[in-house]
Amino acid sequence: MSSDRSFFATLSPVKRNVYLADGRHPKVTGIGNGRLTCALPDGKVQHVEVRDVLFVPSLNGSLLPVKMLDKAGYEIEIRKGVCTISKLSLTGGSKLLACAKDNGELYELDLLSSRDTQLLRPRADAANTLDNSLCLWHRRFGHRDFDAIRKL
């Protein structure tokens, strides 16, 4: 579920409530599909399609339930404060899609904003090197914005 309207590529109206662990039950106003842009530990960027996400304007953030990921066929592994999300590939191995680190309360995905993603668009033949390099330095500088990293 998400409170960010810009996340959704498709959104259909729906009226219901969702029940949260803290006892609140905010209104759900839509359901739709969107795409997460995840920064991986090796500096690469991975796009993950997410379906049937609830739009909850009063949520003040986003939550990605492990149960939903499991139901959609993703593999979730939690070890030493890091949660990895993978999917079996056609070749038989598994493909890393996202990593989340323990922030003390929840596991937080390392996501790139749509603005960051635009900055990563290929601008030369060395597009993959540019993508990996920018993403790597973004992480090394404590998730500093891409414009500032480019100026360095």
N, C-alpha and C. Protein backbone atom coordinates (compact mmCIF):
# COMPACT_ATOMS: atom_id res chain seq x y z
N MET A 1 0.84 -1.18 0.00
CA MET A 1 0.00 0.00 0.00
C MET A 1 0.88 1.24 0.00
N SER A 2 0.36 2.29 -0.63
CA SER A 2 1.16 3.50 -0.78
C SER A 2 0.28 4.74 -0.70
N SER A 3 0.87 5.82 -0.22
CA SER A 3 0.18 7.11 -0.20
C SER A 3 0.67 8.01 -1.34
N ASP A 4 1.57 7.49 -2.17
CA ASP A 4 2.17 8.27 -3.26
C ASP A 4 1.42 8.02 -4.56
N ARG A 5 0.59 8.97 -4.96
CA ARG A 5 -0.21 8.82 -6.18
C ARG A 5 0.67 8.66 -7.41
N SER A 6 1.82 9.30 -7.45
CA SER A 6 2.70 9.24 -8.62
C SER A 6 3.31 7.85 -8.83
N PHE A 7 3.26 6.99 -7.83
CA PHE A 7 3.78 5.63 -7.96
C PHE A 7 2.96 4.80 -8.95
N PHE A 8 1.68 5.06 -9.03
CA PHE A 8 0.76 4.21 -9.77
C PHE A 8 0.77 4.49 -11.27
N ALA A 9 0.97 3.43 -12.06
CA ALA A 9 0.84 3.52 -13.52
C ALA A 9 -0.63 3.35 -13.89
N THR A 10 -1.33 2.52 -13.15
CA THR A 10 -2.77 2.34 -13.31
C THR A 10 -3.40 2.42 -11.93
N LEU A 11 -4.61 2.96 -11.88
CA LEU A 11 -5.29 3.09 -10.59
C LEU A 11 -6.80 3.06 -10.82
N SER A 12 -7.47 2.14 -10.16
CA SER A 12 -8.93 2.03 -10.24
C SER A 12 -9.52 2.40 -8.89
N PRO A 13 -10.65 3.13 -8.90
CA PRO A 13 -11.24 3.53 -7.63
C PRO A 13 -11.79 2.33 -6.85
N VAL A 14 -11.66 2.39 -5.55
CA VAL A 14 -12.20 1.38 -4.66
C VAL A 14 -12.45 2.05 -3.31
N LYS A 15 -13.46 1.60 -2.61
CA LYS A 15 -13.75 2.17 -1.29
C LYS A 15 -13.77 1.05 -0.27
N ARG A 16 -12.81 1.10 0.64
CA ARG A 16 -12.76 0.17 1.76
C ARG A 16 -11.74 0.69 2.76
N ASN A 17 -11.57 -0.01 3.84
CA ASN A 17 -10.58 0.36 4.86
C ASN A 17 -9.54 -0.73 4.95
N VAL A 18 -8.37 -0.36 5.43
CA VAL A 18 -7.32 -1.33 5.71
C VAL A 18 -7.01 -1.21 7.20
N TYR A 19 -6.67 -2.33 7.83
CA TYR A 19 -6.42 -2.33 9.27
C TYR A 19 -4.93 -2.47 9.53
N LEU A 20 -4.37 -1.51 10.26
CA LEU A 20 -2.94 -1.47 10.54
C LEU A 20 -2.65 -2.01 11.94
N ALA A 21 -1.41 -2.40 12.16
CA ALA A 21 -1.00 -2.99 13.44
C ALA A 21 -1.18 -2.03 14.61
N ASP A 22 -1.13 -0.72 14.35
CA ASP A 22 -1.27 0.26 15.44
C ASP A 22 -2.73 0.56 15.78
N GLY A 23 -3.66 -0.17 15.16
CA GLY A 23 -5.07 0.01 15.46
C GLY A 23 -5.81 0.97 14.53
N ARG A 24 -5.08 1.72 13.74
CA ARG A 24 -5.74 2.62 12.79
C ARG A 24 -6.34 1.82 11.63
N HIS A 25 -7.36 2.41 11.00
CA HIS A 25 -7.95 1.79 9.82
C HIS A 25 -8.27 2.87 8.77
N PRO A 26 -7.21 3.34 8.07
CA PRO A 26 -7.39 4.40 7.07
C PRO A 26 -8.17 3.91 5.85
N LYS A 27 -8.74 4.88 5.14
CA LYS A 27 -9.53 4.59 3.94
C LYS A 27 -8.63 4.28 2.74
N VAL A 28 -9.02 3.26 2.01
CA VAL A 28 -8.39 2.91 0.74
C VAL A 28 -9.25 3.55 -0.34
N THR A 29 -8.63 4.33 -1.24
CA THR A 29 -9.41 4.99 -2.29
C THR A 29 -9.13 4.43 -3.68
N GLY A 30 -8.16 3.53 -3.80
CA GLY A 30 -7.87 2.96 -5.11
C GLY A 30 -6.99 1.73 -5.01
N ILE A 31 -6.90 1.02 -6.13
CA ILE A 31 -6.02 -0.14 -6.24
C ILE A 31 -5.41 -0.10 -7.63
N GLY A 32 -4.12 -0.41 -7.73
CA GLY A 32 -3.48 -0.33 -9.04
C GLY A 32 -2.12 -0.97 -9.07
N ASN A 33 -1.44 -0.74 -10.18
CA ASN A 33 -0.11 -1.30 -10.42
C ASN A 33 0.91 -0.18 -10.51
N GLY A 34 2.13 -0.50 -10.14
CA GLY A 34 3.21 0.49 -10.22
C GLY A 34 4.55 -0.21 -10.38
N ARG A 35 5.59 0.59 -10.39
CA ARG A 35 6.93 0.05 -10.59
C ARG A 35 7.88 0.67 -9.59
N LEU A 36 8.61 -0.20 -8.90
CA LEU A 36 9.65 0.23 -7.98
C LEU A 36 10.98 0.24 -8.72
N THR A 37 11.78 1.24 -8.48
CA THR A 37 13.12 1.30 -9.04
C THR A 37 14.08 1.15 -7.87
N CYS A 38 14.70 -0.03 -7.79
CA CYS A 38 15.52 -0.40 -6.64
C CYS A 38 17.00 -0.29 -6.95
N ALA A 39 17.76 0.26 -6.02
CA ALA A 39 19.23 0.29 -6.13
C ALA A 39 19.76 -0.95 -5.43
N LEU A 40 20.53 -1.75 -6.14
CA LEU A 40 21.10 -2.97 -5.58
C LEU A 40 22.48 -2.70 -4.98
N PRO A 41 22.95 -3.56 -4.09
CA PRO A 41 24.24 -3.34 -3.44
C PRO A 41 25.43 -3.24 -4.40
N ASP A 42 25.33 -3.88 -5.57
CA ASP A 42 26.44 -3.83 -6.53
C ASP A 42 26.40 -2.58 -7.41
N GLY A 43 25.45 -1.67 -7.13
CA GLY A 43 25.36 -0.43 -7.89
C GLY A 43 24.41 -0.50 -9.05
N LYS A 44 23.89 -1.66 -9.36
CA LYS A 44 22.94 -1.79 -10.47
C LYS A 44 21.56 -1.33 -10.05
N VAL A 45 20.72 -1.07 -11.05
CA VAL A 45 19.35 -0.65 -10.82
C VAL A 45 18.42 -1.74 -11.33
N GLN A 46 17.41 -2.08 -10.54
CA GLN A 46 16.45 -3.12 -10.93
C GLN A 46 15.04 -2.55 -10.84
N HIS A 47 14.25 -2.77 -11.89
CA HIS A 47 12.85 -2.34 -11.89
C HIS A 47 11.97 -3.52 -11.51
N VAL A 48 11.05 -3.30 -10.59
CA VAL A 48 10.17 -4.36 -10.09
C VAL A 48 8.72 -3.92 -10.26
N GLU A 49 7.96 -4.69 -11.03
CA GLU A 49 6.54 -4.41 -11.21
C GLU A 49 5.78 -4.93 -9.99
N VAL A 50 4.90 -4.10 -9.44
CA VAL A 50 4.12 -4.49 -8.27
C VAL A 50 2.65 -4.31 -8.63
N ARG A 51 1.86 -5.37 -8.41
CA ARG A 51 0.44 -5.36 -8.78
C ARG A 51 -0.46 -5.31 -7.55
N ASP A 52 -1.66 -4.81 -7.79
CA ASP A 52 -2.71 -4.78 -6.76
C ASP A 52 -2.26 -4.04 -5.49
N VAL A 53 -1.64 -2.90 -5.70
CA VAL A 53 -1.19 -2.05 -4.58
C VAL A 53 -2.35 -1.14 -4.18
N LEU A 54 -2.60 -1.04 -2.89
CA LEU A 54 -3.67 -0.19 -2.38
C LEU A 54 -3.19 1.25 -2.29
N PHE A 55 -4.05 2.19 -2.73
CA PHE A 55 -3.76 3.62 -2.60
C PHE A 55 -4.45 4.11 -1.33
N VAL A 56 -3.63 4.49 -0.34
CA VAL A 56 -4.12 4.94 0.96
C VAL A 56 -3.52 6.33 1.21
N PRO A 57 -4.23 7.39 0.79
CA PRO A 57 -3.66 8.75 0.87
C PRO A 57 -3.19 9.17 2.26
N SER A 58 -3.84 8.69 3.31
CA SER A 58 -3.46 9.13 4.66
C SER A 58 -2.37 8.27 5.29
N LEU A 59 -1.79 7.34 4.56
CA LEU A 59 -0.80 6.42 5.12
C LEU A 59 0.53 7.11 5.46
N ASN A 60 0.91 8.13 4.73
CA ASN A 60 2.17 8.84 4.96
C ASN A 60 3.38 7.94 4.71
N GLY A 61 3.39 7.30 3.54
CA GLY A 61 4.49 6.42 3.16
C GLY A 61 3.98 5.22 2.39
N SER A 62 4.80 4.19 2.36
CA SER A 62 4.42 2.97 1.65
C SER A 62 4.85 1.75 2.46
N LEU A 63 4.06 0.70 2.35
CA LEU A 63 4.37 -0.58 2.98
C LEU A 63 4.23 -1.67 1.94
N LEU A 64 5.16 -2.61 1.94
CA LEU A 64 5.15 -3.72 0.99
C LEU A 64 5.08 -5.01 1.80
N PRO A 65 3.88 -5.59 1.92
CA PRO A 65 3.72 -6.78 2.77
C PRO A 65 4.45 -8.01 2.23
N VAL A 66 5.17 -8.70 3.09
CA VAL A 66 5.88 -9.91 2.72
C VAL A 66 4.89 -10.95 2.20
N LYS A 67 3.70 -11.02 2.80
CA LYS A 67 2.69 -11.98 2.36
C LYS A 67 2.32 -11.76 0.90
N MET A 68 2.19 -10.51 0.48
CA MET A 68 1.87 -10.20 -0.91
C MET A 68 2.99 -10.65 -1.84
N LEU A 69 4.24 -10.43 -1.44
CA LEU A 69 5.38 -10.85 -2.25
C LEU A 69 5.42 -12.37 -2.39
N ASP A 70 5.19 -13.06 -1.29
CA ASP A 70 5.18 -14.52 -1.30
C ASP A 70 4.08 -15.05 -2.22
N LYS A 71 2.91 -14.46 -2.13
CA LYS A 71 1.77 -14.86 -2.95
C LYS A 71 2.05 -14.65 -4.44
N ALA A 72 2.84 -13.62 -4.77
CA ALA A 72 3.18 -13.31 -6.16
C ALA A 72 4.36 -14.14 -6.67
N GLY A 73 4.90 -15.03 -5.83
CA GLY A 73 5.97 -15.91 -6.28
C GLY A 73 7.38 -15.42 -6.05
N TYR A 74 7.54 -14.37 -5.26
CA TYR A 74 8.87 -13.86 -4.95
C TYR A 74 9.48 -14.67 -3.80
N GLU A 75 10.80 -14.73 -3.75
CA GLU A 75 11.51 -15.36 -2.64
C GLU A 75 12.01 -14.25 -1.72
N ILE A 76 11.76 -14.41 -0.44
CA ILE A 76 12.18 -13.42 0.54
C ILE A 76 13.13 -14.11 1.51
N GLU A 77 14.30 -13.50 1.72
CA GLU A 77 15.26 -14.05 2.67
C GLU A 77 15.73 -12.92 3.58
N ILE A 78 15.69 -13.20 4.87
CA ILE A 78 16.15 -12.21 5.85
C ILE A 78 17.32 -12.81 6.61
N ARG A 79 18.45 -12.10 6.55
CA ARG A 79 19.66 -12.59 7.21
C ARG A 79 20.53 -11.40 7.61
N LYS A 80 20.93 -11.39 8.88
CA LYS A 80 21.85 -10.37 9.40
C LYS A 80 21.42 -8.94 9.08
N GLY A 81 20.14 -8.65 9.28
CA GLY A 81 19.65 -7.29 9.10
C GLY A 81 19.40 -6.86 7.67
N VAL A 82 19.47 -7.80 6.73
CA VAL A 82 19.22 -7.47 5.32
C VAL A 82 18.14 -8.42 4.78
N CYS A 83 17.14 -7.84 4.15
CA CYS A 83 16.06 -8.60 3.52
C CYS A 83 16.28 -8.54 2.01
N THR A 84 16.40 -9.70 1.37
CA THR A 84 16.56 -9.74 -0.09
C THR A 84 15.29 -10.30 -0.71
N ILE A 85 14.93 -9.72 -1.84
CA ILE A 85 13.75 -10.16 -2.59
C ILE A 85 14.24 -10.61 -3.95
N SER A 86 13.94 -11.86 -4.29
CA SER A 86 14.40 -12.47 -5.55
C SER A 86 13.24 -13.14 -6.25
N LYS A 87 13.46 -13.49 -7.50
CA LYS A 87 12.47 -14.24 -8.27
C LYS A 87 13.23 -15.27 -9.09
N LEU A 88 12.67 -16.47 -9.18
CA LEU A 88 13.30 -17.51 -9.99
C LEU A 88 13.31 -17.06 -11.45
N SER A 89 14.44 -17.26 -12.11
CA SER A 89 14.54 -16.90 -13.52
C SER A 89 14.27 -18.11 -14.39
N LEU A 90 14.08 -17.89 -15.68
CA LEU A 90 13.80 -18.97 -16.61
C LEU A 90 14.98 -19.93 -16.73
N THR A 91 16.18 -19.47 -16.41
CA THR A 91 17.37 -20.32 -16.51
C THR A 91 17.56 -21.21 -15.29
N GLY A 92 16.69 -21.08 -14.32
CA GLY A 92 16.76 -21.94 -13.14
C GLY A 92 17.37 -21.30 -11.92
N GLY A 93 18.13 -20.23 -12.09
CA GLY A 93 18.70 -19.52 -10.95
C GLY A 93 17.70 -18.53 -10.41
N SER A 94 18.12 -17.73 -9.46
CA SER A 94 17.23 -16.69 -8.98
C SER A 94 17.87 -15.33 -9.24
N LYS A 95 17.03 -14.35 -9.52
CA LYS A 95 17.48 -13.01 -9.86
C LYS A 95 17.17 -12.07 -8.71
N LEU A 96 18.19 -11.38 -8.21
CA LEU A 96 18.00 -10.42 -7.13
C LEU A 96 17.25 -9.20 -7.67
N LEU A 97 16.15 -8.85 -7.00
CA LEU A 97 15.33 -7.72 -7.44
C LEU A 97 15.45 -6.52 -6.52
N ALA A 98 15.59 -6.77 -5.22
CA ALA A 98 15.62 -5.66 -4.27
C ALA A 98 16.28 -6.09 -2.97
N CYS A 99 16.85 -5.11 -2.28
CA CYS A 99 17.42 -5.33 -0.95
C CYS A 99 16.84 -4.28 -0.01
N ALA A 100 16.56 -4.72 1.21
CA ALA A 100 16.06 -3.80 2.22
C ALA A 100 16.90 -3.98 3.48
N LYS A 101 17.21 -2.87 4.13
CA LYS A 101 18.01 -2.92 5.36
C LYS A 101 17.12 -2.60 6.56
N ASP A 102 17.46 -3.20 7.67
CA ASP A 102 16.75 -2.98 8.92
C ASP A 102 17.00 -1.55 9.40
N ASN A 103 15.93 -0.77 9.52
CA ASN A 103 16.09 0.61 9.99
C ASN A 103 15.71 0.75 11.47
N GLY A 104 15.59 -0.38 12.16
CA GLY A 104 15.23 -0.36 13.57
C GLY A 104 13.79 -0.74 13.82
N GLU A 105 12.90 -0.43 12.87
CA GLU A 105 11.48 -0.75 13.01
C GLU A 105 11.00 -1.64 11.87
N LEU A 106 11.44 -1.31 10.67
CA LEU A 106 11.01 -2.02 9.46
C LEU A 106 12.22 -2.25 8.57
N TYR A 107 12.04 -3.07 7.56
CA TYR A 107 13.07 -3.21 6.52
C TYR A 107 12.75 -2.18 5.45
N GLU A 108 13.73 -1.34 5.13
CA GLU A 108 13.52 -0.23 4.21
C GLU A 108 14.24 -0.49 2.89
N LEU A 109 13.45 -0.48 1.78
CA LEU A 109 14.02 -0.68 0.46
C LEU A 109 14.85 0.52 0.05
N ASP A 110 15.91 0.28 -0.69
CA ASP A 110 16.72 1.36 -1.25
C ASP A 110 16.14 1.69 -2.62
N LEU A 111 15.23 2.65 -2.65
CA LEU A 111 14.52 3.01 -3.87
C LEU A 111 15.07 4.30 -4.45
N LEU A 112 14.98 4.40 -5.76
CA LEU A 112 15.33 5.63 -6.46
C LEU A 112 14.05 6.35 -6.84
N SER A 113 14.04 7.65 -6.74
CA SER A 113 12.86 8.42 -7.13
C SER A 113 12.78 8.50 -8.65
N SER A 114 11.64 8.94 -9.17
CA SER A 114 11.51 9.07 -10.62
C SER A 114 12.50 10.10 -11.15
N ARG A 115 12.81 11.13 -10.37
CA ARG A 115 13.80 12.13 -10.79
C ARG A 115 15.19 11.50 -10.88
N ASP A 116 15.54 10.69 -9.89
CA ASP A 116 16.83 9.99 -9.93
C ASP A 116 16.91 9.07 -11.13
N THR A 117 15.81 8.38 -11.43
CA THR A 117 15.77 7.46 -12.56
C THR A 117 15.98 8.20 -13.87
N GLN A 118 15.40 9.39 -13.99
CA GLN A 118 15.59 10.19 -15.20
C GLN A 118 17.06 10.56 -15.37
N LEU A 119 17.73 10.85 -14.28
CA LEU A 119 19.15 11.19 -14.35
C LEU A 119 20.00 10.01 -14.77
N LEU A 120 19.50 8.80 -14.54
CA LEU A 120 20.25 7.60 -14.90
C LEU A 120 20.00 7.15 -16.34
N ARG A 121 19.13 7.82 -17.08
CA ARG A 121 18.87 7.42 -18.46
C ARG A 121 20.16 7.47 -19.26
N PRO A 122 20.34 6.50 -20.16
CA PRO A 122 21.58 6.47 -20.95
C PRO A 122 21.76 7.75 -21.76
N ARG A 123 22.97 8.29 -21.71
CA ARG A 123 23.29 9.50 -22.47
C ARG A 123 24.47 9.28 -23.39
N ALA A 124 25.05 8.09 -23.33
CA ALA A 124 26.22 7.79 -24.16
C ALA A 124 26.28 6.29 -24.36
N ASP A 125 27.26 5.83 -25.14
CA ASP A 125 27.41 4.40 -25.37
C ASP A 125 27.76 3.66 -24.10
N ALA A 126 28.33 4.34 -23.14
CA ALA A 126 28.73 3.71 -21.88
C ALA A 126 27.61 3.80 -20.85
N ALA A 127 26.37 3.64 -21.29
CA ALA A 127 25.22 3.82 -20.42
C ALA A 127 25.26 2.91 -19.20
N ASN A 128 25.61 1.66 -19.37
CA ASN A 128 25.62 0.75 -18.22
C ASN A 128 26.66 1.17 -17.20
N THR A 129 27.81 1.61 -17.66
CA THR A 129 28.86 2.07 -16.75
C THR A 129 28.38 3.30 -16.00
N LEU A 130 27.70 4.21 -16.71
CA LEU A 130 27.17 5.42 -16.09
C LEU A 130 26.15 5.05 -15.03
N ASP A 131 25.22 4.14 -15.38
CA ASP A 131 24.20 3.73 -14.42
C ASP A 131 24.85 3.17 -13.16
N ASN A 132 25.77 2.23 -13.34
CA ASN A 132 26.40 1.57 -12.19
C ASN A 132 27.21 2.55 -11.37
N SER A 133 27.95 3.42 -12.02
CA SER A 133 28.81 4.37 -11.34
C SER A 133 27.99 5.37 -10.52
N LEU A 134 26.96 5.95 -11.12
CA LEU A 134 26.13 6.91 -10.40
C LEU A 134 25.44 6.27 -9.21
N CYS A 135 24.91 5.10 -9.43
CA CYS A 135 24.20 4.40 -8.36
C CYS A 135 25.17 4.03 -7.23
N LEU A 136 26.33 3.58 -7.59
CA LEU A 136 27.34 3.22 -6.60
C LEU A 136 27.73 4.43 -5.75
N TRP A 137 28.01 5.56 -6.39
CA TRP A 137 28.39 6.76 -5.64
C TRP A 137 27.21 7.34 -4.86
N HIS A 138 26.00 7.17 -5.38
CA HIS A 138 24.79 7.57 -4.66
C HIS A 138 24.76 6.85 -3.30
N ARG A 139 25.05 5.56 -3.30
CA ARG A 139 25.06 4.78 -2.07
C ARG A 139 26.25 5.16 -1.18
N ARG A 140 27.43 5.32 -1.77
CA ARG A 140 28.63 5.64 -0.99
C ARG A 140 28.52 6.98 -0.28
N PHE A 141 27.83 7.94 -0.90
CA PHE A 141 27.66 9.26 -0.29
C PHE A 141 26.38 9.35 0.53
N GLY A 142 25.93 8.23 1.06
CA GLY A 142 24.77 8.25 1.96
C GLY A 142 23.49 8.65 1.28
N HIS A 143 23.31 8.21 0.03
CA HIS A 143 22.11 8.46 -0.77
C HIS A 143 21.93 9.93 -1.11
N ARG A 144 23.05 10.57 -1.34
CA ARG A 144 23.06 11.97 -1.80
C ARG A 144 22.35 12.05 -3.15
N ASP A 145 21.71 13.19 -3.45
CA ASP A 145 20.99 13.32 -4.72
C ASP A 145 21.95 13.26 -5.90
N PHE A 146 21.44 12.78 -7.04
CA PHE A 146 22.28 12.53 -8.20
C PHE A 146 22.88 13.80 -8.80
N ASP A 147 22.17 14.92 -8.72
CA ASP A 147 22.72 16.17 -9.24
C ASP A 147 24.02 16.54 -8.51
N ALA A 148 24.02 16.39 -7.20
CA ALA A 148 25.21 16.71 -6.40
C ALA A 148 26.36 15.78 -6.75
N ILE A 149 26.07 14.51 -6.97
CA ILE A 149 27.12 13.55 -7.32
C ILE A 149 27.70 13.88 -8.69
N ARG A 150 26.85 14.27 -9.62
CA ARG A 150 27.33 14.64 -10.96
C ARG A 150 28.29 15.82 -10.91
N LYS A 151 28.05 16.76 -9.98
CA LYS A 151 28.90 17.95 -9.87
C LYS A 151 30.29 17.62 -9.36
N LEU A 152 30.41 16.48 -8.66
CA LEU A 152 31.72 16.09 -8.11
C LEU A 152 32.64 15.72 -9.18
